[in-house]
């Protein structure tokens, strides 16, 4: 059985078996990562996994889980960015009774 050497921020270098490592391979590679729980202190450690790291983990017996970023993440964003004031206004609105109806009416007025 292959032993995987990993680094825990608290304990330093540790040894793991393949089934103790969770490799999450994303179709949009920069979002891929692997994680494990340190066998000594139980800290969950998450690290990015580029192609070479993923290949090493797979060759050691780690089974990858394929996932895809939601399309919304990759969409071009239009309009101004949200500001802190926008978020405060939304927070105040959500504390208002009937906030959903207020948003619905504002949305229908904007569409007209």
PDB file of N, CA and C in Angstrom:
ATOM      1  N   UNK A   1       0.844  -1.176   0.000  1.00  0.00           N
ATOM      2  CA  UNK A   1       0.000   0.000   0.000  1.00  0.00           C
ATOM      3  C   UNK A   1       0.896   1.248   0.000  1.00  0.00           C
ATOM      4  N   UNK A   2       0.535   2.221  -0.821  1.00  0.00           N
ATOM      5  CA  UNK A   2       1.303   3.447  -0.947  1.00  0.00           C
ATOM      6  C   UNK A   2       0.981   4.399   0.214  1.00  0.00           C
ATOM      7  N   UNK A   3       2.007   5.002   0.749  1.00  0.00           N
ATOM      8  CA  UNK A   3       1.846   6.004   1.799  1.00  0.00           C
ATOM      9  C   UNK A   3       2.010   7.384   1.156  1.00  0.00           C
ATOM     10  N   UNK A   4       1.094   8.274   1.447  1.00  0.00           N
ATOM     11  CA  UNK A   4       1.127   9.639   0.908  1.00  0.00           C
ATOM     12  C   UNK A   4       1.644  10.556   2.006  1.00  0.00           C
ATOM     13  N   UNK A   5       2.687  11.299   1.682  1.00  0.00           N
ATOM     14  CA  UNK A   5       3.240  12.278   2.619  1.00  0.00           C
ATOM     15  C   UNK A   5       2.474  13.583   2.433  1.00  0.00           C
ATOM     16  N   UNK A   6       2.007  14.155   3.519  1.00  0.00           N
ATOM     17  CA  UNK A   6       1.269  15.413   3.460  1.00  0.00           C
ATOM     18  C   UNK A   6       1.736  16.297   4.608  1.00  0.00           C
ATOM     19  N   UNK A   7       1.292  17.534   4.581  1.00  0.00           N
ATOM     20  CA  UNK A   7       1.705  18.517   5.586  1.00  0.00           C
ATOM     21  C   UNK A   7       0.479  19.040   6.326  1.00  0.00           C
ATOM     22  N   UNK A   8       0.492  18.864   7.645  1.00  0.00           N
ATOM     23  CA  UNK A   8      -0.525  19.452   8.507  1.00  0.00           C
ATOM     24  C   UNK A   8       0.062  20.737   9.081  1.00  0.00           C
ATOM     25  N   UNK A   9      -0.691  21.846   9.064  1.00  0.00           N
ATOM     26  CA  UNK A   9      -0.140  23.093   9.592  1.00  0.00           C
ATOM     27  C   UNK A   9       0.214  23.021  11.082  1.00  0.00           C
ATOM     28  N   UNK A  10      -0.415  22.128  11.827  1.00  0.00           N
ATOM     29  CA  UNK A  10      -0.137  22.002  13.259  1.00  0.00           C
ATOM     30  C   UNK A  10       0.915  20.938  13.565  1.00  0.00           C
ATOM     31  N   UNK A  11       0.841  19.810  12.871  1.00  0.00           N
ATOM     32  CA  UNK A  11       1.677  18.661  13.214  1.00  0.00           C
ATOM     33  C   UNK A  11       2.896  18.489  12.316  1.00  0.00           C
ATOM     34  N   UNK A  12       2.931  19.183  11.193  1.00  0.00           N
ATOM     35  CA  UNK A  12       4.036  18.996  10.254  1.00  0.00           C
ATOM     36  C   UNK A  12       3.763  17.842   9.312  1.00  0.00           C
ATOM     37  N   UNK A  13       4.825  17.139   8.902  1.00  0.00           N
ATOM     38  CA  UNK A  13       4.675  16.060   7.927  1.00  0.00           C
ATOM     39  C   UNK A  13       3.964  14.866   8.549  1.00  0.00           C
ATOM     40  N   UNK A  14       2.987  14.339   7.801  1.00  0.00           N
ATOM     41  CA  UNK A  14       2.210  13.185   8.264  1.00  0.00           C
ATOM     42  C   UNK A  14       2.119  12.174   7.136  1.00  0.00           C
ATOM     43  N   UNK A  15       1.762  10.953   7.474  1.00  0.00           N
ATOM     44  CA  UNK A  15       1.565   9.883   6.503  1.00  0.00           C
ATOM     45  C   UNK A  15       0.078   9.572   6.394  1.00  0.00           C
ATOM     46  N   UNK A  16      -0.384   9.420   5.143  1.00  0.00           N
ATOM     47  CA  UNK A  16      -1.793   9.116   4.887  1.00  0.00           C
ATOM     48  C   UNK A  16      -1.918   7.932   3.944  1.00  0.00           C
ATOM     49  N   UNK A  17      -3.001   7.212   4.067  1.00  0.00           N
ATOM     50  CA  UNK A  17      -3.357   6.185   3.085  1.00  0.00           C
ATOM     51  C   UNK A  17      -4.238   6.850   2.041  1.00  0.00           C
ATOM     52  N   UNK A  18      -4.328   6.237   0.872  1.00  0.00           N
ATOM     53  CA  UNK A  18      -5.083   6.820  -0.237  1.00  0.00           C
ATOM     54  C   UNK A  18      -6.541   7.080   0.127  1.00  0.00           C
ATOM     55  N   UNK A  19      -7.144   6.182   0.905  1.00  0.00           N
ATOM     56  CA  UNK A  19      -8.564   6.372   1.231  1.00  0.00           C
ATOM     57  C   UNK A  19      -8.806   7.492   2.247  1.00  0.00           C
ATOM     58  N   UNK A  20      -7.732   8.080   2.783  1.00  0.00           N
ATOM     59  CA  UNK A  20      -7.870   9.200   3.717  1.00  0.00           C
ATOM     60  C   UNK A  20      -7.812  10.550   3.011  1.00  0.00           C
ATOM     61  N   UNK A  21      -7.600  10.520   1.687  1.00  0.00           N
ATOM     62  CA  UNK A  21      -7.472  11.754   0.911  1.00  0.00           C
ATOM     63  C   UNK A  21      -8.676  11.874  -0.019  1.00  0.00           C
ATOM     64  N   UNK A  22      -9.282  13.049  -0.035  1.00  0.00           N
ATOM     65  CA  UNK A  22     -10.423  13.338  -0.904  1.00  0.00           C
ATOM     66  C   UNK A  22      -9.959  14.303  -1.984  1.00  0.00           C
ATOM     67  N   UNK A  23      -9.893  13.808  -3.228  1.00  0.00           N
ATOM     68  CA  UNK A  23      -9.481  14.630  -4.360  1.00  0.00           C
ATOM     69  C   UNK A  23     -10.721  15.074  -5.124  1.00  0.00           C
ATOM     70  N   UNK A  24     -10.961  16.371  -5.165  1.00  0.00           N
ATOM     71  CA  UNK A  24     -12.098  16.956  -5.881  1.00  0.00           C
ATOM     72  C   UNK A  24     -11.558  17.606  -7.150  1.00  0.00           C
ATOM     73  N   UNK A  25     -11.720  16.927  -8.273  1.00  0.00           N
ATOM     74  CA  UNK A  25     -11.183  17.399  -9.547  1.00  0.00           C
ATOM     75  C   UNK A  25     -12.280  18.164 -10.293  1.00  0.00           C
ATOM     76  N   UNK A  26     -12.013  19.435 -10.542  1.00  0.00           N
ATOM     77  CA  UNK A  26     -12.991  20.302 -11.205  1.00  0.00           C
ATOM     78  C   UNK A  26     -12.681  20.373 -12.695  1.00  0.00           C
ATOM     79  N   UNK A  27     -13.720  20.405 -13.503  1.00  0.00           N
ATOM     80  CA  UNK A  27     -13.535  20.543 -14.948  1.00  0.00           C
ATOM     81  C   UNK A  27     -12.873  21.873 -15.284  1.00  0.00           C
ATOM     82  N   UNK A  28     -12.955  22.827 -14.376  1.00  0.00           N
ATOM     83  CA  UNK A  28     -12.261  24.113 -14.496  1.00  0.00           C
ATOM     84  C   UNK A  28     -11.079  24.015 -13.523  1.00  0.00           C
ATOM     85  N   UNK A  29      -9.966  23.471 -14.005  1.00  0.00           N
ATOM     86  CA  UNK A  29      -8.847  23.004 -13.183  1.00  0.00           C
ATOM     87  C   UNK A  29      -8.416  23.909 -12.030  1.00  0.00           C
ATOM     88  N   UNK A  30      -8.371  25.226 -12.159  1.00  0.00           N
ATOM     89  CA  UNK A  30      -7.907  26.017 -11.009  1.00  0.00           C
ATOM     90  C   UNK A  30      -8.761  25.847  -9.754  1.00  0.00           C
ATOM     91  N   UNK A  31      -9.945  25.282  -9.875  1.00  0.00           N
ATOM     92  CA  UNK A  31     -10.816  25.107  -8.716  1.00  0.00           C
ATOM     93  C   UNK A  31     -10.677  23.715  -8.094  1.00  0.00           C
ATOM     94  N   UNK A  32      -9.756  22.889  -8.580  1.00  0.00           N
ATOM     95  CA  UNK A  32      -9.559  21.547  -8.032  1.00  0.00           C
ATOM     96  C   UNK A  32      -8.806  21.623  -6.705  1.00  0.00           C
ATOM     97  N   UNK A  33      -9.099  20.672  -5.835  1.00  0.00           N
ATOM     98  CA  UNK A  33      -8.448  20.654  -4.522  1.00  0.00           C
ATOM     99  C   UNK A  33      -8.461  19.246  -3.946  1.00  0.00           C
ATOM    100  N   UNK A  34      -7.642  19.041  -2.928  1.00  0.00           N
ATOM    101  CA  UNK A  34      -7.708  17.805  -2.169  1.00  0.00           C
ATOM    102  C   UNK A  34      -7.753  18.167  -0.684  1.00  0.00           C
ATOM    103  N   UNK A  35      -8.298  17.265   0.102  1.00  0.00           N
ATOM    104  CA  UNK A  35      -8.373  17.526   1.530  1.00  0.00           C
ATOM    105  C   UNK A  35      -8.232  16.225   2.301  1.00  0.00           C
ATOM    106  N   UNK A  36      -7.874  16.367   3.556  1.00  0.00           N
ATOM    107  CA  UNK A  36      -7.711  15.225   4.443  1.00  0.00           C
ATOM    108  C   UNK A  36      -7.836  15.709   5.878  1.00  0.00           C
ATOM    109  N   UNK A  37      -8.145  14.789   6.762  1.00  0.00           N
ATOM    110  CA  UNK A  37      -8.155  15.082   8.190  1.00  0.00           C
ATOM    111  C   UNK A  37      -6.853  14.544   8.769  1.00  0.00           C
ATOM    112  N   UNK A  38      -6.137  15.382   9.462  1.00  0.00           N
ATOM    113  CA  UNK A  38      -4.870  14.966  10.066  1.00  0.00           C
ATOM    114  C   UNK A  38      -5.146  13.826  11.052  1.00  0.00           C
ATOM    115  N   UNK A  39      -4.448  12.704  10.912  1.00  0.00           N
ATOM    116  CA  UNK A  39      -4.686  11.580  11.822  1.00  0.00           C
ATOM    117  C   UNK A  39      -4.219  11.852  13.260  1.00  0.00           C
ATOM    118  N   UNK A  40      -3.425  12.887  13.450  1.00  0.00           N
ATOM    119  CA  UNK A  40      -2.925  13.174  14.795  1.00  0.00           C
ATOM    120  C   UNK A  40      -3.788  14.188  15.542  1.00  0.00           C
ATOM    121  N   UNK A  41      -4.205  15.271  14.845  1.00  0.00           N
ATOM    122  CA  UNK A  41      -4.950  16.329  15.545  1.00  0.00           C
ATOM    123  C   UNK A  41      -6.371  16.537  14.997  1.00  0.00           C
ATOM    124  N   UNK A  42      -6.737  15.817  13.936  1.00  0.00           N
ATOM    125  CA  UNK A  42      -8.070  15.864  13.312  1.00  0.00           C
ATOM    126  C   UNK A  42      -8.366  17.175  12.584  1.00  0.00           C
ATOM    127  N   UNK A  43      -7.370  18.032  12.413  1.00  0.00           N
ATOM    128  CA  UNK A  43      -7.562  19.255  11.630  1.00  0.00           C
ATOM    129  C   UNK A  43      -7.836  18.875  10.178  1.00  0.00           C
ATOM    130  N   UNK A  44      -8.861  19.478   9.584  1.00  0.00           N
ATOM    131  CA  UNK A  44      -9.138  19.242   8.170  1.00  0.00           C
ATOM    132  C   UNK A  44      -8.301  20.225   7.361  1.00  0.00           C
ATOM    133  N   UNK A  45      -7.494  19.678   6.471  1.00  0.00           N
ATOM    134  CA  UNK A  45      -6.580  20.470   5.661  1.00  0.00           C
ATOM    135  C   UNK A  45      -7.046  20.403   4.212  1.00  0.00           C
ATOM    136  N   UNK A  46      -7.160  21.559   3.579  1.00  0.00           N
ATOM    137  CA  UNK A  46      -7.558  21.641   2.172  1.00  0.00           C
ATOM    138  C   UNK A  46      -6.469  22.379   1.420  1.00  0.00           C
ATOM    139  N   UNK A  47      -6.083  21.805   0.264  1.00  0.00           N
ATOM    140  CA  UNK A  47      -5.024  22.411  -0.545  1.00  0.00           C
ATOM    141  C   UNK A  47      -5.414  22.348  -2.015  1.00  0.00           C
ATOM    142  N   UNK A  48      -4.933  23.313  -2.820  1.00  0.00           N
ATOM    143  CA  UNK A  48      -5.218  23.269  -4.252  1.00  0.00           C
ATOM    144  C   UNK A  48      -4.533  22.070  -4.905  1.00  0.00           C
ATOM    145  N   UNK A  49      -5.140  21.575  -5.968  1.00  0.00           N
ATOM    146  CA  UNK A  49      -4.576  20.425  -6.686  1.00  0.00           C
ATOM    147  C   UNK A  49      -4.483  20.752  -8.164  1.00  0.00           C
ATOM    148  N   UNK A  50      -3.276  21.098  -8.623  1.00  0.00           N
ATOM    149  CA  UNK A  50      -3.087  21.292 -10.062  1.00  0.00           C
ATOM    150  C   UNK A  50      -2.931  19.911 -10.712  1.00  0.00           C
ATOM    151  N   UNK A  51      -2.691  19.897 -12.001  1.00  0.00           N
ATOM    152  CA  UNK A  51      -2.618  18.634 -12.743  1.00  0.00           C
ATOM    153  C   UNK A  51      -1.571  17.678 -12.218  1.00  0.00           C
ATOM    154  N   UNK A  52      -0.391  18.175 -11.876  1.00  0.00           N
ATOM    155  CA  UNK A  52       0.673  17.281 -11.419  1.00  0.00           C
ATOM    156  C   UNK A  52       0.359  16.695 -10.038  1.00  0.00           C
ATOM    157  N   UNK A  53      -0.203  17.501  -9.151  1.00  0.00           N
ATOM    158  CA  UNK A  53      -0.589  16.998  -7.828  1.00  0.00           C
ATOM    159  C   UNK A  53      -1.684  15.943  -7.979  1.00  0.00           C
ATOM    160  N   UNK A  54      -2.663  16.219  -8.822  1.00  0.00           N
ATOM    161  CA  UNK A  54      -3.756  15.256  -9.038  1.00  0.00           C
ATOM    162  C   UNK A  54      -3.208  13.940  -9.601  1.00  0.00           C
ATOM    163  N   UNK A  55      -2.289  14.024 -10.555  1.00  0.00           N
ATOM    164  CA  UNK A  55      -1.716  12.797 -11.123  1.00  0.00           C
ATOM    165  C   UNK A  55      -0.972  11.987 -10.067  1.00  0.00           C
ATOM    166  N   UNK A  56      -0.212  12.660  -9.204  1.00  0.00           N
ATOM    167  CA  UNK A  56       0.490  11.956  -8.138  1.00  0.00           C
ATOM    168  C   UNK A  56      -0.484  11.270  -7.186  1.00  0.00           C
ATOM    169  N   UNK A  57      -1.539  11.983  -6.801  1.00  0.00           N
ATOM    170  CA  UNK A  57      -2.518  11.400  -5.886  1.00  0.00           C
ATOM    171  C   UNK A  57      -3.236  10.213  -6.522  1.00  0.00           C
ATOM    172  N   UNK A  58      -3.613  10.350  -7.783  1.00  0.00           N
ATOM    173  CA  UNK A  58      -4.299   9.251  -8.477  1.00  0.00           C
ATOM    174  C   UNK A  58      -3.370   8.047  -8.607  1.00  0.00           C
ATOM    175  N   UNK A  59      -2.089   8.294  -8.934  1.00  0.00           N
ATOM    176  CA  UNK A  59      -1.138   7.180  -9.061  1.00  0.00           C
ATOM    177  C   UNK A  59      -0.912   6.487  -7.713  1.00  0.00           C
ATOM    178  N   UNK A  60      -1.157   7.199  -6.612  1.00  0.00           N
ATOM    179  CA  UNK A  60      -1.031   6.606  -5.278  1.00  0.00           C
ATOM    180  C   UNK A  60      -2.307   5.885  -4.842  1.00  0.00           C
ATOM    181  N   UNK A  61      -3.341   5.936  -5.678  1.00  0.00           N
ATOM    182  CA  UNK A  61      -4.575   5.214  -5.375  1.00  0.00           C
ATOM    183  C   UNK A  61      -5.743   6.059  -4.927  1.00  0.00           C
ATOM    184  N   UNK A  62      -5.589   7.372  -4.926  1.00  0.00           N
ATOM    185  CA  UNK A  62      -6.697   8.245  -4.542  1.00  0.00           C
ATOM    186  C   UNK A  62      -7.695   8.293  -5.698  1.00  0.00           C
ATOM    187  N   UNK A  63      -8.950   8.097  -5.383  1.00  0.00           N
ATOM    188  CA  UNK A  63      -9.999   8.145  -6.412  1.00  0.00           C
ATOM    189  C   UNK A  63     -10.564   9.552  -6.482  1.00  0.00           C
ATOM    190  N   UNK A  64     -10.463  10.195  -7.649  1.00  0.00           N
ATOM    191  CA  UNK A  64     -10.965  11.568  -7.759  1.00  0.00           C
ATOM    192  C   UNK A  64     -12.484  11.606  -7.907  1.00  0.00           C
ATOM    193  N   UNK A  65     -13.058  12.691  -7.441  1.00  0.00           N
ATOM    194  CA  UNK A  65     -14.469  12.980  -7.663  1.00  0.00           C
ATOM    195  C   UNK A  65     -14.519  14.162  -8.618  1.00  0.00           C
ATOM    196  N   UNK A  66     -15.164  13.977  -9.775  1.00  0.00           N
ATOM    197  CA  UNK A  66     -15.262  15.039 -10.777  1.00  0.00           C
ATOM    198  C   UNK A  66     -16.447  15.931 -10.453  1.00  0.00           C
ATOM    199  N   UNK A  67     -16.232  17.238 -10.522  1.00  0.00           N
ATOM    200  CA  UNK A  67     -17.325  18.196 -10.336  1.00  0.00           C
ATOM    201  C   UNK A  67     -17.145  19.346 -11.301  1.00  0.00           C
ATOM    202  N   UNK A  68     -18.203  20.101 -11.511  1.00  0.00           N
ATOM    203  CA  UNK A  68     -18.199  21.211 -12.465  1.00  0.00           C
ATOM    204  C   UNK A  68     -18.602  22.494 -11.747  1.00  0.00           C
ATOM    205  N   UNK A  69     -17.943  23.584 -12.101  1.00  0.00           N
ATOM    206  CA  UNK A  69     -18.364  24.884 -11.586  1.00  0.00           C
ATOM    207  C   UNK A  69     -19.735  25.213 -12.158  1.00  0.00           C
ATOM    208  N   UNK A  70     -20.605  25.824 -11.397  1.00  0.00           N
ATOM    209  CA  UNK A  70     -21.876  26.289 -11.962  1.00  0.00           C
ATOM    210  C   UNK A  70     -21.592  27.311 -13.069  1.00  0.00           C
ATOM    211  N   UNK A  71     -22.372  27.299 -14.118  1.00  0.00           N
ATOM    212  CA  UNK A  71     -22.158  28.211 -15.247  1.00  0.00           C
ATOM    213  C   UNK A  71     -22.173  29.672 -14.814  1.00  0.00           C
ATOM    214  N   UNK A  72     -22.941  29.985 -13.769  1.00  0.00           N
ATOM    215  CA  UNK A  72     -23.024  31.371 -13.308  1.00  0.00           C
ATOM    216  C   UNK A  72     -21.663  31.918 -12.875  1.00  0.00           C
ATOM    217  N   UNK A  73     -20.803  31.053 -12.384  1.00  0.00           N
ATOM    218  CA  UNK A  73     -19.484  31.498 -11.937  1.00  0.00           C
ATOM    219  C   UNK A  73     -18.662  32.015 -13.117  1.00  0.00           C
ATOM    220  N   UNK A  74     -18.844  31.405 -14.277  1.00  0.00           N
ATOM    221  CA  UNK A  74     -18.038  31.752 -15.449  1.00  0.00           C
ATOM    222  C   UNK A  74     -18.675  32.829 -16.327  1.00  0.00           C
ATOM    223  N   UNK A  75     -19.915  33.220 -16.006  1.00  0.00           N
ATOM    224  CA  UNK A  75     -20.596  34.231 -16.815  1.00  0.00           C
ATOM    225  C   UNK A  75     -19.933  35.596 -16.673  1.00  0.00           C
ATOM    226  N   UNK A  76     -19.994  36.370 -17.754  1.00  0.00           N
ATOM    227  CA  UNK A  76     -19.502  37.736 -17.692  1.00  0.00           C
ATOM    228  C   UNK A  76     -20.477  38.546 -16.839  1.00  0.00           C
ATOM    229  N   UNK A  77     -19.949  39.302 -15.922  1.00  0.00           N
ATOM    230  CA  UNK A  77     -20.788  40.104 -15.028  1.00  0.00           C
ATOM    231  C   UNK A  77     -21.029  41.468 -15.662  1.00  0.00           C
ATOM    232  N   UNK A  78     -22.285  41.877 -15.708  1.00  0.00           N
ATOM    233  CA  UNK A  78     -22.662  43.170 -16.267  1.00  0.00           C
ATOM    234  C   UNK A  78     -23.165  44.072 -15.152  1.00  0.00           C
ATOM    235  N   UNK A  79     -23.000  45.344 -15.322  1.00  0.00           N
ATOM    236  CA  UNK A  79     -23.489  46.292 -14.327  1.00  0.00           C
ATOM    237  C   UNK A  79     -22.445  46.576 -13.273  1.00  0.00           C
ATOM    238  N   UNK A  80     -22.763  47.524 -12.421  1.00  0.00           N
ATOM    239  CA  UNK A  80     -21.796  47.919 -11.392  1.00  0.00           C
ATOM    240  C   UNK A  80     -21.678  46.845 -10.305  1.00  0.00           C
ATOM    241  N   UNK A  81     -20.538  46.809  -9.679  1.00  0.00           N
ATOM    242  CA  UNK A  81     -20.323  45.871  -8.573  1.00  0.00           C
ATOM    243  C   UNK A  81     -21.132  46.316  -7.359  1.00  0.00           C
ATOM    244  N   UNK A  82     -21.508  45.345  -6.526  1.00  0.00           N
ATOM    245  CA  UNK A  82     -22.197  45.675  -5.288  1.00  0.00           C
ATOM    246  C   UNK A  82     -21.257  46.436  -4.363  1.00  0.00           C
ATOM    247  N   UNK A  83     -21.800  47.393  -3.675  1.00  0.00           N
ATOM    248  CA  UNK A  83     -21.020  48.147  -2.695  1.00  0.00           C
ATOM    249  C   UNK A  83     -21.465  47.749  -1.293  1.00  0.00           C
ATOM    250  N   UNK A  84     -20.737  48.192  -0.309  1.00  0.00           N
ATOM    251  CA  UNK A  84     -21.128  47.945   1.081  1.00  0.00           C
ATOM    252  C   UNK A  84     -22.488  48.585   1.348  1.00  0.00           C
ATOM    253  N   UNK A  85     -22.722  49.773   0.789  1.00  0.00           N
ATOM    254  CA  UNK A  85     -24.024  50.442   0.969  1.00  0.00           C
ATOM    255  C   UNK A  85     -25.157  49.610   0.369  1.00  0.00           C
ATOM    256  N   UNK A  86     -24.912  48.987  -0.795  1.00  0.00           N
ATOM    257  CA  UNK A  86     -25.920  48.114  -1.408  1.00  0.00           C
ATOM    258  C   UNK A  86     -26.273  46.968  -0.466  1.00  0.00           C
ATOM    259  N   UNK A  87     -25.264  46.370   0.147  1.00  0.00           N
ATOM    260  CA  UNK A  87     -25.504  45.248   1.057  1.00  0.00           C
ATOM    261  C   UNK A  87     -26.246  45.690   2.307  1.00  0.00           C
ATOM    262  N   UNK A  88     -25.924  46.863   2.816  1.00  0.00           N
ATOM    263  CA  UNK A  88     -26.644  47.393   3.985  1.00  0.00           C
ATOM    264  C   UNK A  88     -28.107  47.649   3.624  1.00  0.00           C
ATOM    265  N   UNK A  89     -28.343  48.250   2.441  1.00  0.00           N
ATOM    266  CA  UNK A  89     -29.723  48.492   1.993  1.00  0.00           C
ATOM    267  C   UNK A  89     -30.492  47.183   1.875  1.00  0.00           C
ATOM    268  N   UNK A  90     -29.856  46.142   1.342  1.00  0.00           N
ATOM    269  CA  UNK A  90     -30.515  44.839   1.219  1.00  0.00           C
ATOM    270  C   UNK A  90     -30.822  44.273   2.599  1.00  0.00           C
ATOM    271  N   UNK A  91     -29.880  44.375   3.507  1.00  0.00           N
ATOM    272  CA  UNK A  91     -30.089  43.882   4.871  1.00  0.00           C
ATOM    273  C   UNK A  91     -31.298  44.576   5.515  1.00  0.00           C
ATOM    274  N   UNK A  92     -31.370  45.887   5.385  1.00  0.00           N
ATOM    275  CA  UNK A  92     -32.494  46.650   5.946  1.00  0.00           C
ATOM    276  C   UNK A  92     -33.795  46.219   5.282  1.00  0.00           C
ATOM    277  N   UNK A  93     -33.766  46.036   3.971  1.00  0.00           N
ATOM    278  CA  UNK A  93     -34.962  45.611   3.242  1.00  0.00           C
ATOM    279  C   UNK A  93     -35.447  44.247   3.728  1.00  0.00           C
ATOM    280  N   UNK A  94     -34.512  43.315   3.939  1.00  0.00           N
ATOM    281  CA  UNK A  94     -34.899  41.973   4.367  1.00  0.00           C
ATOM    282  C   UNK A  94     -35.491  41.955   5.776  1.00  0.00           C
ATOM    283  N   UNK A  95     -35.252  42.985   6.565  1.00  0.00           N
ATOM    284  CA  UNK A  95     -35.857  43.089   7.894  1.00  0.00           C
ATOM    285  C   UNK A  95     -37.242  43.735   7.848  1.00  0.00           C
ATOM    286  N   UNK A  96     -37.637  44.207   6.671  1.00  0.00           N
ATOM    287  CA  UNK A  96     -38.924  44.868   6.502  1.00  0.00           C
ATOM    288  C   UNK A  96     -40.007  43.828   6.236  1.00  0.00           C
ATOM    289  N   UNK A  97     -41.145  43.996   6.912  1.00  0.00           N
ATOM    290  CA  UNK A  97     -42.262  43.089   6.657  1.00  0.00           C
ATOM    291  C   UNK A  97     -42.730  43.289   5.218  1.00  0.00           C
ATOM    292  N   UNK A  98     -42.975  42.201   4.507  1.00  0.00           N
ATOM    293  CA  UNK A  98     -43.423  42.273   3.117  1.00  0.00           C
ATOM    294  C   UNK A  98     -42.288  42.557   2.132  1.00  0.00           C
ATOM    295  N   UNK A  99     -41.039  42.249   2.531  1.00  0.00           N
ATOM    296  CA  UNK A  99     -39.888  42.552   1.670  1.00  0.00           C
ATOM    297  C   UNK A  99     -39.971  41.868   0.318  1.00  0.00           C
ATOM    298  N   UNK A 100     -40.518  40.650   0.292  1.00  0.00           N
ATOM    299  CA  UNK A 100     -40.589  39.928  -0.980  1.00  0.00           C
ATOM    300  C   UNK A 100     -41.510  40.648  -1.959  1.00  0.00           C
ATOM    301  N   UNK A 101     -42.648  41.106  -1.486  1.00  0.00           N
ATOM    302  CA  UNK A 101     -43.579  41.837  -2.350  1.00  0.00           C
ATOM    303  C   UNK A 101     -42.952  43.142  -2.839  1.00  0.00           C
ATOM    304  N   UNK A 102     -42.170  43.801  -1.973  1.00  0.00           N
ATOM    305  CA  UNK A 102     -41.471  45.030  -2.389  1.00  0.00           C
ATOM    306  C   UNK A 102     -40.492  44.743  -3.518  1.00  0.00           C
ATOM    307  N   UNK A 103     -39.750  43.649  -3.391  1.00  0.00           N
ATOM    308  CA  UNK A 103     -38.801  43.289  -4.448  1.00  0.00           C
ATOM    309  C   UNK A 103     -39.525  42.917  -5.738  1.00  0.00           C
ATOM    310  N   UNK A 104     -40.641  42.192  -5.613  1.00  0.00           N
ATOM    311  CA  UNK A 104     -41.420  41.809  -6.790  1.00  0.00           C
ATOM    312  C   UNK A 104     -41.936  43.031  -7.526  1.00  0.00           C
ATOM    313  N   UNK A 105     -42.464  43.980  -6.790  1.00  0.00           N
ATOM    314  CA  UNK A 105     -43.013  45.169  -7.452  1.00  0.00           C
ATOM    315  C   UNK A 105     -41.891  46.004  -8.076  1.00  0.00           C
ATOM    316  N   UNK A 106     -40.746  46.098  -7.415  1.00  0.00           N
ATOM    317  CA  UNK A 106     -39.609  46.834  -7.995  1.00  0.00           C
ATOM    318  C   UNK A 106     -39.113  46.142  -9.245  1.00  0.00           C
ATOM    319  N   UNK A 107     -39.133  44.809  -9.251  1.00  0.00           N
ATOM    320  CA  UNK A 107     -38.678  44.061 -10.421  1.00  0.00           C
ATOM    321  C   UNK A 107     -39.621  44.253 -11.599  1.00  0.00           C
ATOM    322  N   UNK A 108     -40.937  44.231 -11.326  1.00  0.00           N
ATOM    323  CA  UNK A 108     -41.907  44.406 -12.418  1.00  0.00           C
ATOM    324  C   UNK A 108     -41.877  45.838 -12.953  1.00  0.00           C
ATOM    325  N   UNK A 109     -41.603  46.826 -12.097  1.00  0.00           N
ATOM    326  CA  UNK A 109     -41.491  48.209 -12.559  1.00  0.00           C
ATOM    327  C   UNK A 109     -40.241  48.401 -13.411  1.00  0.00           C
ATOM    328  N   UNK A 110     -39.153  47.718 -13.058  1.00  0.00           N
ATOM    329  CA  UNK A 110     -37.902  47.845 -13.821  1.00  0.00           C
ATOM    330  C   UNK A 110     -38.054  47.207 -15.191  1.00  0.00           C
ATOM    331  N   UNK A 111     -38.867  46.150 -15.290  1.00  0.00           N
ATOM    332  CA  UNK A 111     -39.050  45.459 -16.562  1.00  0.00           C
ATOM    333  C   UNK A 111     -39.950  46.256 -17.513  1.00  0.00           C
ATOM    334  N   UNK A 112     -40.774  47.111 -16.962  1.00  0.00           N
ATOM    335  CA  UNK A 112     -41.725  47.871 -17.787  1.00  0.00           C
ATOM    336  C   UNK A 112     -41.082  49.052 -18.490  1.00  0.00           C
TER     337      UNK A 112
END
